[in-house]
PDB file of N, CA and C in Angstrom:
ATOM      1  N   MET A   1      16.105  11.060 -38.444  1.00  0.00           N
ATOM      2  CA  MET A   1      15.540   9.842 -37.904  1.00  0.00           C
ATOM      3  C   MET A   1      16.291   9.375 -36.660  1.00  0.00           C
ATOM      4  N   ASN A   2      17.624   9.555 -36.658  1.00  0.00           N
ATOM      5  CA  ASN A   2      18.421   9.171 -35.494  1.00  0.00           C
ATOM      6  C   ASN A   2      18.065  10.007 -34.269  1.00  0.00           C
ATOM      7  N   ARG A   3      17.741  11.271 -34.520  1.00  0.00           N
ATOM      8  CA  ARG A   3      17.373  12.151 -33.402  1.00  0.00           C
ATOM      9  C   ARG A   3      16.076  11.680 -32.755  1.00  0.00           C
ATOM     10  N   ILE A   4      15.141  11.248 -33.574  1.00  0.00           N
ATOM     11  CA  ILE A   4      13.856  10.772 -33.052  1.00  0.00           C
ATOM     12  C   ILE A   4      14.058   9.499 -32.247  1.00  0.00           C
ATOM     13  N   LYS A   5      14.883   8.579 -32.743  1.00  0.00           N
ATOM     14  CA  LYS A   5      15.166   7.337 -32.017  1.00  0.00           C
ATOM     15  C   LYS A   5      15.865   7.627 -30.692  1.00  0.00           C
ATOM     16  N   ALA A   6      16.833   8.544 -30.734  1.00  0.00           N
ATOM     17  CA  ALA A   6      17.565   8.890 -29.511  1.00  0.00           C
ATOM     18  C   ALA A   6      16.630   9.541 -28.496  1.00  0.00           C
ATOM     19  N   SER A   7      15.759  10.410 -28.979  1.00  0.00           N
ATOM     20  CA  SER A   7      14.806  11.073 -28.094  1.00  0.00           C
ATOM     21  C   SER A   7      13.829  10.066 -27.495  1.00  0.00           C
ATOM     22  N   LEU A   8      13.366   9.129 -28.301  1.00  0.00           N
ATOM     23  CA  LEU A   8      12.450   8.101 -27.820  1.00  0.00           C
ATOM     24  C   LEU A   8      13.129   7.200 -26.793  1.00  0.00           C
ATOM     25  N   CYS A   9      14.356   6.791 -27.071  1.00  0.00           N
ATOM     26  CA  CYS A   9      15.109   5.955 -26.129  1.00  0.00           C
ATOM     27  C   CYS A   9      15.337   6.681 -24.805  1.00  0.00           C
ATOM     28  N   LEU A  10      15.673   7.950 -24.879  1.00  0.00           N
ATOM     29  CA  LEU A  10      15.886   8.739 -23.665  1.00  0.00           C
ATOM     30  C   LEU A  10      14.588   8.861 -22.869  1.00  0.00           C
ATOM     31  N   SER A  11      13.487   9.082 -23.549  1.00  0.00           N
ATOM     32  CA  SER A  11      12.193   9.197 -22.871  1.00  0.00           C
ATOM     33  C   SER A  11      11.818   7.895 -22.181  1.00  0.00           C
ATOM     34  N   ILE A  12      12.012   6.788 -22.854  1.00  0.00           N
ATOM     35  CA  ILE A  12      11.705   5.479 -22.261  1.00  0.00           C
ATOM     36  C   ILE A  12      12.605   5.206 -21.064  1.00  0.00           C
ATOM     37  N   ALA A  13      13.893   5.524 -21.192  1.00  0.00           N
ATOM     38  CA  ALA A  13      14.831   5.306 -20.090  1.00  0.00           C
ATOM     39  C   ALA A  13      14.451   6.149 -18.873  1.00  0.00           C
ATOM     40  N   LEU A  14      14.097   7.404 -19.089  1.00  0.00           N
ATOM     41  CA  LEU A  14      13.695   8.269 -17.975  1.00  0.00           C
ATOM     42  C   LEU A  14      12.393   7.787 -17.332  1.00  0.00           C
ATOM     43  N   PHE A  15      11.485   7.291 -18.154  1.00  0.00           N
ATOM     44  CA  PHE A  15      10.228   6.764 -17.632  1.00  0.00           C
ATOM     45  C   PHE A  15      10.489   5.587 -16.694  1.00  0.00           C
ATOM     46  N   PHE A  16      11.307   4.630 -17.134  1.00  0.00           N
ATOM     47  CA  PHE A  16      11.599   3.470 -16.296  1.00  0.00           C
ATOM     48  C   PHE A  16      12.415   3.845 -15.065  1.00  0.00           C
ATOM     49  N   LEU A  17      13.283   4.814 -15.188  1.00  0.00           N
ATOM     50  CA  LEU A  17      14.054   5.282 -14.037  1.00  0.00           C
ATOM     51  C   LEU A  17      13.125   5.890 -12.990  1.00  0.00           C
ATOM     52  N   PHE A  18      12.133   6.643 -13.441  1.00  0.00           N
ATOM     53  CA  PHE A  18      11.169   7.245 -12.529  1.00  0.00           C
ATOM     54  C   PHE A  18      10.346   6.171 -11.830  1.00  0.00           C
ATOM     55  N   ILE A  19       9.925   5.152 -12.569  1.00  0.00           N
ATOM     56  CA  ILE A  19       9.135   4.068 -11.975  1.00  0.00           C
ATOM     57  C   ILE A  19       9.942   3.347 -10.894  1.00  0.00           C
ATOM     58  N   LEU A  20      11.209   3.087 -11.154  1.00  0.00           N
ATOM     59  CA  LEU A  20      12.044   2.390 -10.181  1.00  0.00           C
ATOM     60  C   LEU A  20      12.299   3.245  -8.941  1.00  0.00           C
ATOM     61  N   ALA A  21      12.361   4.550  -9.095  1.00  0.00           N
ATOM     62  CA  ALA A  21      12.657   5.439  -7.972  1.00  0.00           C
ATOM     63  C   ALA A  21      11.436   5.702  -7.098  1.00  0.00           C
ATOM     64  N   ALA A  22      10.235   5.559  -7.646  1.00  0.00           N
ATOM     65  CA  ALA A  22       9.010   5.848  -6.887  1.00  0.00           C
ATOM     66  C   ALA A  22       8.697   4.676  -5.956  1.00  0.00           C
ATOM     67  N   GLN A  23       8.614   4.967  -4.663  1.00  0.00           N
ATOM     68  CA  GLN A  23       8.308   3.948  -3.666  1.00  0.00           C
ATOM     69  C   GLN A  23       7.356   4.532  -2.640  1.00  0.00           C
ATOM     70  N   ALA A  24       6.548   3.677  -2.070  1.00  0.00           N
ATOM     71  CA  ALA A  24       5.649   4.088  -0.993  1.00  0.00           C
ATOM     72  C   ALA A  24       5.855   3.135   0.174  1.00  0.00           C
ATOM     73  N   ARG A  25       5.986   3.687   1.354  1.00  0.00           N
ATOM     74  CA  ARG A  25       6.191   2.865   2.549  1.00  0.00           C
ATOM     75  C   ARG A  25       5.322   3.389   3.676  1.00  0.00           C
ATOM     76  N   VAL A  26       4.842   2.472   4.489  1.00  0.00           N
ATOM     77  CA  VAL A  26       4.100   2.841   5.689  1.00  0.00           C
ATOM     78  C   VAL A  26       5.122   2.965   6.810  1.00  0.00           C
ATOM     79  N   LYS A  27       5.247   4.173   7.344  1.00  0.00           N
ATOM     80  CA  LYS A  27       6.231   4.426   8.403  1.00  0.00           C
ATOM     81  C   LYS A  27       5.633   4.242   9.794  1.00  0.00           C
ATOM     82  N   ARG A  28       4.299   4.474   9.905  1.00  0.00           N
ATOM     83  CA  ARG A  28       3.688   4.422  11.223  1.00  0.00           C
ATOM     84  C   ARG A  28       2.208   4.074  11.073  1.00  0.00           C
ATOM     85  N   ILE A  29       1.692   3.320  12.021  1.00  0.00           N
ATOM     86  CA  ILE A  29       0.258   3.028  12.090  1.00  0.00           C
ATOM     87  C   ILE A  29      -0.219   3.473  13.468  1.00  0.00           C
ATOM     88  N   LYS A  30      -1.226   4.328  13.480  1.00  0.00           N
ATOM     89  CA  LYS A  30      -1.757   4.833  14.748  1.00  0.00           C
ATOM     90  C   LYS A  30      -3.189   4.318  14.916  1.00  0.00           C
ATOM     91  N   ILE A  31      -3.402   3.479  15.920  1.00  0.00           N
ATOM     92  CA  ILE A  31      -4.726   2.943  16.218  1.00  0.00           C
ATOM     93  C   ILE A  31      -5.463   3.958  17.083  1.00  0.00           C
ATOM     94  N   THR A  32      -6.628   4.411  16.598  1.00  0.00           N
ATOM     95  CA  THR A  32      -7.380   5.422  17.345  1.00  0.00           C
ATOM     96  C   THR A  32      -8.506   4.821  18.184  1.00  0.00           C
ATOM     97  N   SER A  33      -9.030   3.662  17.755  1.00  0.00           N
ATOM     98  CA  SER A  33     -10.070   3.006  18.562  1.00  0.00           C
ATOM     99  C   SER A  33     -10.059   1.507  18.295  1.00  0.00           C
ATOM    100  N   ARG A  34     -10.593   0.772  19.262  1.00  0.00           N
ATOM    101  CA  ARG A  34     -10.636  -0.683  19.174  1.00  0.00           C
ATOM    102  C   ARG A  34     -11.984  -1.162  19.687  1.00  0.00           C
ATOM    103  N   GLN A  35     -12.665  -1.995  18.909  1.00  0.00           N
ATOM    104  CA  GLN A  35     -13.943  -2.552  19.323  1.00  0.00           C
ATOM    105  C   GLN A  35     -13.771  -4.060  19.453  1.00  0.00           C
ATOM    106  N   SER A  36     -13.925  -4.542  20.660  1.00  0.00           N
ATOM    107  CA  SER A  36     -13.764  -5.970  20.900  1.00  0.00           C
ATOM    108  C   SER A  36     -14.775  -6.414  21.939  1.00  0.00           C
ATOM    109  N   PRO A  37     -15.527  -7.442  21.758  1.00  0.00           N
ATOM    110  CA  PRO A  37     -15.607  -8.222  20.526  1.00  0.00           C
ATOM    111  C   PRO A  37     -16.495  -7.521  19.511  1.00  0.00           C
ATOM    112  N   THR A  38     -16.306  -7.837  18.259  1.00  0.00           N
ATOM    113  CA  THR A  38     -17.132  -7.303  17.191  1.00  0.00           C
ATOM    114  C   THR A  38     -17.956  -8.434  16.592  1.00  0.00           C
ATOM    115  N   PHE A  39     -18.829  -8.159  15.680  1.00  0.00           N
ATOM    116  CA  PHE A  39     -19.741  -9.144  15.091  1.00  0.00           C
ATOM    117  C   PHE A  39     -20.537  -9.870  16.172  1.00  0.00           C
ATOM    118  N   GLU A  40     -21.010  -9.095  17.139  1.00  0.00           N
ATOM    119  CA  GLU A  40     -21.849  -9.591  18.241  1.00  0.00           C
ATOM    120  C   GLU A  40     -21.171 -10.698  19.041  1.00  0.00           C
ATOM    121  N   GLY A  41     -19.839 -10.660  19.104  1.00  0.00           N
ATOM    122  CA  GLY A  41     -19.088 -11.622  19.907  1.00  0.00           C
ATOM    123  C   GLY A  41     -18.985 -13.003  19.295  1.00  0.00           C
ATOM    124  N   LYS A  42     -19.359 -13.151  18.036  1.00  0.00           N
ATOM    125  CA  LYS A  42     -19.329 -14.453  17.378  1.00  0.00           C
ATOM    126  C   LYS A  42     -17.885 -14.939  17.243  1.00  0.00           C
ATOM    127  N   VAL A  43     -17.665 -16.233  17.514  1.00  0.00           N
ATOM    128  CA  VAL A  43     -16.340 -16.847  17.399  1.00  0.00           C
ATOM    129  C   VAL A  43     -16.276 -17.573  16.061  1.00  0.00           C
ATOM    130  N   PHE A  44     -15.178 -17.371  15.326  1.00  0.00           N
ATOM    131  CA  PHE A  44     -15.011 -17.954  14.000  1.00  0.00           C
ATOM    132  C   PHE A  44     -14.023 -19.116  14.047  1.00  0.00           C
ATOM    133  N   ALA A  45     -14.549 -20.323  14.034  1.00  0.00           N
ATOM    134  CA  ALA A  45     -13.762 -21.573  13.990  1.00  0.00           C
ATOM    135  C   ALA A  45     -12.568 -21.527  14.936  1.00  0.00           C
ATOM    136  N   THR A  46     -11.390 -21.785  14.423  1.00  0.00           N
ATOM    137  CA  THR A  46     -10.203 -21.870  15.276  1.00  0.00           C
ATOM    138  C   THR A  46      -9.506 -20.527  15.476  1.00  0.00           C
ATOM    139  N   VAL A  47      -9.945 -19.484  14.761  1.00  0.00           N
ATOM    140  CA  VAL A  47      -9.269 -18.190  14.893  1.00  0.00           C
ATOM    141  C   VAL A  47      -9.811 -17.352  16.038  1.00  0.00           C
ATOM    142  N   GLY A  48     -11.000 -17.648  16.508  1.00  0.00           N
ATOM    143  CA  GLY A  48     -11.567 -16.916  17.638  1.00  0.00           C
ATOM    144  C   GLY A  48     -12.372 -15.709  17.215  1.00  0.00           C
ATOM    145  N   ALA A  49     -12.546 -14.785  18.145  1.00  0.00           N
ATOM    146  CA  ALA A  49     -13.346 -13.586  17.905  1.00  0.00           C
ATOM    147  C   ALA A  49     -12.503 -12.524  17.203  1.00  0.00           C
ATOM    148  N   TYR A  50     -13.171 -11.729  16.380  1.00  0.00           N
ATOM    149  CA  TYR A  50     -12.497 -10.640  15.674  1.00  0.00           C
ATOM    150  C   TYR A  50     -12.568  -9.352  16.474  1.00  0.00           C
ATOM    151  N   GLU A  51     -11.599  -8.460  16.218  1.00  0.00           N
ATOM    152  CA  GLU A  51     -11.599  -7.115  16.769  1.00  0.00           C
ATOM    153  C   GLU A  51     -11.674  -6.130  15.607  1.00  0.00           C
ATOM    154  N   LYS A  52     -12.332  -5.007  15.832  1.00  0.00           N
ATOM    155  CA  LYS A  52     -12.390  -3.955  14.817  1.00  0.00           C
ATOM    156  C   LYS A  52     -11.462  -2.844  15.243  1.00  0.00           C
ATOM    157  N   LEU A  53     -10.462  -2.550  14.403  1.00  0.00           N
ATOM    158  CA  LEU A  53      -9.496  -1.497  14.684  1.00  0.00           C
ATOM    159  C   LEU A  53      -9.721  -0.339  13.729  1.00  0.00           C
ATOM    160  N   CYS A  54      -9.671   0.884  14.245  1.00  0.00           N
ATOM    161  CA  CYS A  54      -9.746   2.084  13.421  1.00  0.00           C
ATOM    162  C   CYS A  54      -8.478   2.901  13.661  1.00  0.00           C
ATOM    163  N   GLY A  55      -7.968   3.482  12.606  1.00  0.00           N
ATOM    164  CA  GLY A  55      -6.755   4.271  12.760  1.00  0.00           C
ATOM    165  C   GLY A  55      -6.302   4.871  11.455  1.00  0.00           C
ATOM    166  N   LYS A  56      -5.054   5.358  11.476  1.00  0.00           N
ATOM    167  CA  LYS A  56      -4.454   5.981  10.298  1.00  0.00           C
ATOM    168  C   LYS A  56      -3.086   5.367  10.041  1.00  0.00           C
ATOM    169  N   ALA A  57      -2.779   5.243   8.769  1.00  0.00           N
ATOM    170  CA  ALA A  57      -1.458   4.738   8.373  1.00  0.00           C
ATOM    171  C   ALA A  57      -0.656   5.884   7.772  1.00  0.00           C
TER     172      ALA A  57
END
């Protein structure tokens, strides 16, 4: 029974260690095209006109 508990504890510890080590980060954003103005040039309240950006992260 102790072996099963130890094995279970080790499995849980390794699982949480893996979760903490896994990270994702955006290192670069490359804009390939820009459409301005978009939405037929409509202006939205105080923020102004929107632009449509296409690219890869």
